[in-house]
Amino acid sequence: MKAAVIESVGRAVVTEVPDPTPGPREVVVEVAACGLCGTDLHILQGEFAPKLPIVPGHEFAGEVVGVGTQVTEVAVGDRVAVDPSLYCHECRYCRTGHNNLCERWAAIGVTTAGGAARYAVAPVANCVKLPEHVRTEDAALIEPLSCAVRGYDVLRSRLGAHVLIYGSGTMGLMMLELAKRTGAASVDVVDVNPERLRTARRLGVTGSATGADELERPQGWDVVVDATGNAAAIQDGLGRVAKAGTFLQFGVADYATRVTIDPYRIYNQEITITGSMAVLHSFERAAELFANGVLDPDVFISDRLPLERYPEALEQFAAGVGRKIVIVP
């Protein structure tokens, strides 16, 4: 079968790989759509994946075309979205409910072959059936949405909060949609990309700007979310948190990123700084939210490209052109 392969640092190709075979509790999914993510760029840069080459793609959905000998929960022909998370269920973090921090953390498309291919293998436990009205080619959005749901689990937001989001790419826009639905009094968005800001305004924001100084909230925001991973945005955002407010590091920064904090201000103003790592008990809820229309796929997905153009799609994504780019094998 054809698959995208990140062969080495900085090099992605489309080539032939063996067809996958399911284990007893696994299924084979014919991929309908696979989304690109910042994690894919980190893998291309030599981070995250423990070894290369790897077939990337951790945001995908498709139709079950093969099942293992012990699979009864789904059948050939079922359409599913796939949670890529793979946990050991044995380490201290798994046993205390923090599976996303598993000491042996792994993920489909990161540590094992993923969905940037015609077929992919997944544990049946990671498959969520799609209702009839959900288009399979849109359901690749469920995985990133589940990360956003996890982010709001961490925030434990109160009704009436004033929220500032840095970045209006896919993840920033998803955080925007969830903020609107969790009782925010206002939601402002900052981004240096004018096209992405236009999309944020289309979805409905209180304020949008290329810098927080342009927004009228001198006392700061109750919740500040970084969805960029950019050091300058993070540094600026830390200074925008109101007293008793919370800063959420949601965007994925590279390993070398460093910012400074003001310990006295954190103490004196009771500011919380926290993070949100991937998916945790949020995939099924994200699937239900998606099925109920929390996102408009036609707004979020800007490009649907064939598998043969995967290297080009990575370049486009790295350049910040478009919103969610989806590969259609």
Protein backbone atom coordinates (compact mmCIF):
# COMPACT_ATOMS: atom_id res chain seq x y z
CA MET A 1 0.00 0.00 0.00
CA LYS A 2 1.02 3.64 -0.38
CA ALA A 3 1.95 5.60 2.72
CA ALA A 4 3.67 8.80 3.71
CA VAL A 5 6.91 8.07 5.55
CA ILE A 6 9.11 10.44 7.50
CA GLU A 7 12.37 8.70 6.61
CA SER A 8 14.84 10.92 8.42
CA VAL A 9 15.05 14.38 9.96
CA GLY A 10 13.75 16.86 7.42
CA ARG A 11 12.75 14.26 4.82
CA ALA A 12 9.23 12.96 4.09
CA VAL A 13 8.34 10.79 1.10
CA VAL A 14 5.40 8.80 -0.25
CA THR A 15 6.30 5.19 -0.88
CA GLU A 16 5.07 1.60 -0.81
CA VAL A 17 4.93 -0.19 2.56
CA PRO A 18 3.51 -3.60 3.53
CA ASP A 19 -0.22 -3.87 4.14
CA PRO A 20 -0.98 -4.00 7.89
CA THR A 21 -2.26 -7.10 9.66
CA PRO A 22 -4.44 -6.77 12.78
CA GLY A 23 -3.64 -8.48 16.06
CA PRO A 24 -6.38 -10.32 17.98
CA ARG A 25 -7.82 -7.12 19.51
CA GLU A 26 -7.04 -4.80 16.60
CA VAL A 27 -8.80 -3.57 13.49
CA VAL A 28 -7.64 -2.41 10.08
CA VAL A 29 -9.07 0.96 9.06
CA GLU A 30 -9.22 2.15 5.48
CA VAL A 31 -8.36 5.78 6.06
CA ALA A 32 -10.81 8.35 4.71
CA ALA A 33 -8.97 11.39 6.02
CA CYS A 34 -5.88 12.15 8.08
CA GLY A 35 -5.19 15.59 9.52
CA LEU A 36 -1.81 17.28 9.76
CA CYS A 37 -0.72 18.60 13.15
CA GLY A 38 2.17 20.49 14.72
CA THR A 39 3.31 17.18 16.18
CA ASP A 40 4.00 15.98 12.62
CA LEU A 41 6.37 18.92 12.14
CA HIS A 42 8.12 18.08 15.41
CA ILE A 43 8.57 14.51 14.21
CA LEU A 44 9.99 15.83 10.93
CA GLN A 45 12.41 17.93 12.98
CA GLY A 46 13.57 14.88 14.93
CA GLU A 47 11.52 15.37 18.10
CA PHE A 48 8.84 13.18 19.72
CA ALA A 49 9.14 10.01 17.64
CA PRO A 50 11.62 7.64 19.34
CA LYS A 51 12.88 6.40 15.99
CA LEU A 52 12.60 7.00 12.28
CA PRO A 53 11.35 6.05 9.75
CA ILE A 54 7.70 6.31 10.79
CA VAL A 55 4.36 6.51 9.00
CA PRO A 56 2.89 9.66 10.62
CA GLY A 57 -0.74 10.62 11.11
CA HIS A 58 -2.45 10.54 14.50
CA GLU A 59 -5.64 12.37 13.47
CA PHE A 60 -7.64 10.00 11.29
CA ALA A 61 -10.94 8.31 10.63
CA GLY A 62 -12.14 5.71 8.17
CA GLU A 63 -13.97 2.46 7.55
CA VAL A 64 -13.17 -0.83 9.25
CA VAL A 65 -12.06 -3.33 6.58
CA GLY A 66 -10.51 -6.02 8.78
CA VAL A 67 -10.88 -7.23 12.36
CA GLY A 68 -8.80 -9.37 14.67
CA THR A 69 -9.93 -12.75 15.92
CA GLN A 70 -11.12 -11.41 19.29
CA VAL A 71 -12.90 -8.26 18.07
CA THR A 72 -16.65 -8.12 18.69
CA GLU A 73 -17.25 -4.40 19.32
CA VAL A 74 -17.05 -3.30 15.68
CA ALA A 75 -17.55 -5.03 12.34
CA VAL A 76 -16.31 -4.65 8.81
CA GLY A 77 -18.11 -1.69 7.29
CA ASP A 78 -18.36 0.36 10.48
CA ARG A 79 -17.04 3.90 10.24
CA VAL A 80 -14.82 4.97 13.10
CA ALA A 81 -12.65 7.79 14.45
CA VAL A 82 -9.47 6.61 16.12
CA ASP A 83 -7.99 7.78 19.41
CA PRO A 84 -4.22 7.44 18.79
CA SER A 85 -3.25 7.22 22.47
CA LEU A 86 -1.46 4.05 23.58
CA TYR A 87 -0.87 3.55 27.31
CA CYS A 88 0.78 0.81 29.35
CA HIS A 89 -1.95 0.87 32.08
CA GLU A 90 0.71 -0.35 34.54
CA CYS A 91 2.92 2.58 35.53
CA ARG A 92 2.27 4.93 38.43
CA TYR A 93 0.72 7.60 36.19
CA CYS A 94 -1.65 5.20 34.47
CA ARG A 95 -2.69 3.75 37.82
CA THR A 96 -3.43 7.21 39.21
CA GLY A 97 -5.55 8.29 36.24
CA HIS A 98 -2.88 10.32 34.39
CA ASN A 99 -2.57 7.99 31.41
CA ASN A 100 -1.51 10.81 29.11
CA LEU A 101 1.66 11.07 31.23
CA CYS A 102 2.34 7.33 30.94
CA GLU A 103 5.97 6.39 31.49
CA ARG A 104 5.73 4.24 28.35
CA TRP A 105 3.60 6.72 26.43
CA ALA A 106 3.09 5.86 22.79
CA ALA A 107 0.73 6.89 20.01
CA ILE A 108 -0.41 5.74 16.61
CA GLY A 109 1.31 7.95 14.07
CA VAL A 110 4.03 8.96 16.52
CA THR A 111 5.64 5.77 17.80
CA THR A 112 3.80 3.25 15.58
CA ALA A 113 2.54 3.48 12.00
CA GLY A 114 -0.27 6.00 11.61
CA GLY A 115 -3.03 7.17 9.35
CA ALA A 116 -1.09 8.92 6.57
CA ALA A 117 -1.59 5.79 4.52
CA ARG A 118 -4.33 3.87 2.75
CA TYR A 119 -4.72 1.53 5.74
CA ALA A 120 -3.89 1.80 9.44
CA VAL A 121 -4.10 -0.58 12.39
CA ALA A 122 -5.64 0.44 15.73
CA PRO A 123 -6.74 -1.30 18.92
CA VAL A 124 -10.48 -1.81 18.90
CA ALA A 125 -10.61 -0.03 22.27
CA ASN A 126 -9.40 3.13 20.52
CA CYS A 127 -12.17 3.15 17.90
CA VAL A 128 -15.32 5.23 18.28
CA LYS A 129 -18.19 4.54 15.89
CA LEU A 130 -19.48 7.50 13.89
CA PRO A 131 -23.20 8.25 13.65
CA GLU A 132 -24.74 8.19 10.19
CA HIS A 133 -24.94 11.97 9.79
CA VAL A 134 -21.20 12.54 10.40
CA ARG A 135 -19.11 12.49 7.24
CA THR A 136 -16.12 10.18 7.63
CA GLU A 137 -13.85 12.60 5.76
CA ASP A 138 -14.59 15.26 8.41
CA ALA A 139 -14.08 13.05 11.47
CA ALA A 140 -10.31 13.51 11.50
CA LEU A 141 -11.18 16.69 13.44
CA ILE A 142 -12.30 14.65 16.44
CA GLU A 143 -8.77 13.93 17.68
CA PRO A 144 -7.65 17.57 17.88
CA LEU A 145 -11.01 18.46 19.38
CA SER A 146 -10.40 15.86 22.08
CA CYS A 147 -7.13 17.65 22.92
CA ALA A 148 -9.07 20.90 23.28
CA VAL A 149 -11.63 19.20 25.51
CA ARG A 150 -8.74 18.00 27.68
CA GLY A 151 -7.49 21.59 27.83
CA TYR A 152 -10.81 22.77 29.19
CA ASP A 153 -10.82 19.92 31.69
CA VAL A 154 -7.55 21.30 33.02
CA LEU A 155 -8.85 24.87 33.11
CA ARG A 156 -12.01 24.06 35.10
CA SER A 157 -13.28 27.42 33.86
CA ARG A 158 -15.83 29.42 35.79
CA LEU A 159 -18.85 31.01 34.16
CA GLY A 160 -18.30 34.61 33.14
CA ALA A 161 -14.54 34.36 32.59
CA HIS A 162 -12.74 36.71 30.21
CA VAL A 163 -10.58 34.60 27.90
CA LEU A 164 -7.60 35.53 25.72
CA ILE A 165 -6.31 33.02 23.15
CA TYR A 166 -2.97 33.34 21.39
CA GLY A 167 -3.17 31.77 17.95
CA SER A 168 -6.11 31.19 15.62
CA GLY A 169 -4.93 28.08 13.86
CA THR A 170 -6.96 24.91 14.24
CA MET A 171 -6.31 24.48 17.96
CA GLY A 172 -6.82 28.13 18.84
CA LEU A 173 -10.11 28.14 16.95
CA MET A 174 -11.22 24.98 18.73
CA MET A 175 -10.42 26.58 22.08
CA LEU A 176 -12.44 29.58 20.92
CA GLU A 177 -15.47 27.42 20.14
CA LEU A 178 -15.24 25.65 23.51
CA ALA A 179 -14.79 28.96 25.37
CA LYS A 180 -18.01 30.23 23.82
CA ARG A 181 -19.81 27.10 24.99
CA THR A 182 -18.42 27.05 28.53
CA GLY A 183 -19.89 30.37 29.57
CA ALA A 184 -17.10 32.83 28.80
CA ALA A 185 -18.11 36.47 29.21
CA SER A 186 -15.72 37.44 26.42
CA VAL A 187 -13.24 35.71 24.13
CA ASP A 188 -10.42 37.65 22.49
CA VAL A 189 -7.94 36.25 19.97
CA VAL A 190 -4.43 37.41 19.07
CA ASP A 191 -2.64 36.26 15.92
CA VAL A 192 -0.13 37.77 13.50
CA ASN A 193 -1.73 35.93 10.57
CA PRO A 194 -4.50 38.17 9.14
CA GLU A 195 -6.20 35.33 7.26
CA ARG A 196 -6.53 33.24 10.41
CA LEU A 197 -7.83 36.25 12.34
CA ARG A 198 -10.54 36.62 9.72
CA THR A 199 -11.61 33.06 10.41
CA ALA A 200 -11.71 33.78 14.16
CA ARG A 201 -13.95 36.78 13.50
CA ARG A 202 -16.15 34.62 11.27
CA LEU A 203 -16.65 32.20 14.16
CA GLY A 204 -17.44 35.05 16.54
CA VAL A 205 -15.00 36.74 18.89
CA THR A 206 -15.29 39.67 21.24
CA GLY A 207 -12.06 41.16 19.98
CA SER A 208 -9.26 40.21 17.60
CA ALA A 209 -5.88 41.82 17.05
CA THR A 210 -2.29 41.24 16.04
CA GLY A 211 -1.20 42.18 19.56
CA ALA A 212 -2.87 42.19 22.98
CA ASP A 213 -2.11 45.90 23.44
CA GLU A 214 -4.78 46.59 20.81
CA LEU A 215 -7.44 44.98 23.02
CA GLU A 216 -9.13 46.91 25.81
CA ARG A 217 -8.57 44.92 28.97
CA PRO A 218 -5.84 46.65 30.99
CA GLN A 219 -6.65 44.58 34.09
CA GLY A 220 -5.86 41.38 32.17
CA TRP A 221 -7.80 38.22 31.39
CA ASP A 222 -9.07 35.53 33.76
CA VAL A 223 -7.89 32.81 31.38
CA VAL A 224 -5.00 33.13 28.93
CA VAL A 225 -4.40 30.25 26.52
CA ASP A 226 -1.32 29.88 24.38
CA ALA A 227 -2.15 27.81 21.29
CA THR A 228 1.03 28.71 19.38
CA GLY A 229 4.03 27.22 21.18
CA ASN A 230 5.83 30.44 20.18
CA ALA A 231 8.17 31.86 22.83
CA ALA A 232 7.21 35.50 22.20
CA ALA A 233 3.49 34.72 22.42
CA ILE A 234 3.97 32.69 25.60
CA GLN A 235 6.05 35.42 27.22
CA ASP A 236 3.50 38.08 26.34
CA GLY A 237 0.59 35.92 27.49
CA LEU A 238 2.10 35.30 30.92
CA GLY A 239 2.01 39.03 31.50
CA ARG A 240 -1.65 39.33 30.51
CA VAL A 241 -3.14 37.09 33.22
CA ALA A 242 -5.40 38.93 35.66
CA LYS A 243 -5.19 38.49 39.41
CA ALA A 244 -6.34 34.99 40.44
CA GLY A 245 -6.26 34.06 36.75
CA THR A 246 -4.88 31.03 34.90
CA PHE A 247 -2.38 30.65 32.08
CA LEU A 248 -2.72 27.44 30.05
CA GLN A 249 0.21 26.23 27.97
CA PHE A 250 -1.72 24.42 25.26
CA GLY A 251 0.46 24.94 22.19
CA VAL A 252 3.40 22.60 21.64
CA ALA A 253 6.71 24.44 21.95
CA ASP A 254 9.97 22.91 20.84
CA TYR A 255 12.32 21.55 23.48
CA ALA A 256 14.60 24.60 23.43
CA THR A 257 11.88 27.21 24.07
CA ARG A 258 12.45 29.25 27.23
CA VAL A 259 10.48 32.07 28.87
CA THR A 260 10.84 33.91 32.18
CA ILE A 261 8.30 34.19 34.99
CA ASP A 262 7.85 36.64 37.85
CA PRO A 263 7.62 34.45 40.98
CA TYR A 264 6.56 37.32 43.26
CA ARG A 265 3.67 38.24 40.96
CA ILE A 266 2.57 34.60 40.75
CA TYR A 267 2.58 34.42 44.56
CA ASN A 268 1.12 37.84 45.24
CA GLN A 269 -1.66 37.66 42.64
CA GLU A 270 -2.39 33.93 43.04
CA ILE A 271 -1.80 33.18 39.36
CA THR A 272 -1.98 29.59 38.15
CA ILE A 273 0.29 28.34 35.36
CA THR A 274 -0.63 24.94 33.99
CA GLY A 275 -0.39 22.74 30.91
CA SER A 276 -2.47 20.29 28.93
CA MET A 277 -0.91 17.23 27.31
CA ALA A 278 -2.77 15.55 24.43
CA VAL A 279 -5.84 13.40 25.15
CA LEU A 280 -7.15 12.09 28.47
CA HIS A 281 -10.64 10.60 28.86
CA SER A 282 -11.83 13.16 26.32
CA PHE A 283 -12.04 11.40 22.95
CA GLU A 284 -15.57 10.03 23.32
CA ARG A 285 -16.85 13.38 24.59
CA ALA A 286 -15.19 15.13 21.66
CA ALA A 287 -16.86 12.67 19.27
CA GLU A 288 -20.25 13.46 20.79
CA LEU A 289 -19.63 17.21 20.65
CA PHE A 290 -18.55 16.89 17.04
CA ALA A 291 -21.64 14.87 16.18
CA ASN A 292 -23.75 17.60 17.80
CA GLY A 293 -22.20 20.29 15.62
CA VAL A 294 -19.76 22.05 17.93
CA LEU A 295 -17.49 22.61 14.91
CA ASP A 296 -18.24 23.42 11.29
CA PRO A 297 -15.86 21.19 9.28
CA ASP A 298 -16.18 23.41 6.23
CA VAL A 299 -14.75 26.30 8.23
CA PHE A 300 -12.02 24.34 9.98
CA ILE A 301 -10.75 22.30 7.03
CA SER A 302 -9.15 24.56 4.45
CA ASP A 303 -7.39 21.96 2.28
CA ARG A 304 -8.02 18.33 1.35
CA LEU A 305 -4.95 16.99 -0.46
CA PRO A 306 -4.19 13.56 -1.91
CA LEU A 307 -1.65 11.33 -0.16
CA GLU A 308 0.84 11.86 -2.98
CA ARG A 309 1.13 15.52 -1.92
CA TYR A 310 1.95 14.78 1.73
CA PRO A 311 5.47 16.37 1.63
CA GLU A 312 3.97 19.47 0.00
CA ALA A 313 1.20 19.53 2.62
CA LEU A 314 3.82 19.53 5.39
CA GLU A 315 5.55 22.50 3.78
CA GLN A 316 2.26 24.37 3.46
CA PHE A 317 1.40 23.65 7.08
CA ALA A 318 4.84 24.79 8.26
CA ALA A 319 4.37 28.04 6.34
CA GLY A 320 1.12 28.74 8.17
CA VAL A 321 -0.98 28.73 5.00
CA GLY A 322 -4.57 27.62 5.51
CA ARG A 323 -6.21 26.10 8.56
CA LYS A 324 -6.57 22.34 9.04
CA ILE A 325 -4.95 20.47 6.17
CA VAL A 326 -6.35 16.99 5.65
CA ILE A 327 -4.77 14.20 3.63
CA VAL A 328 -7.16 12.00 1.66
CA PRO A 329 -5.42 8.67 0.91
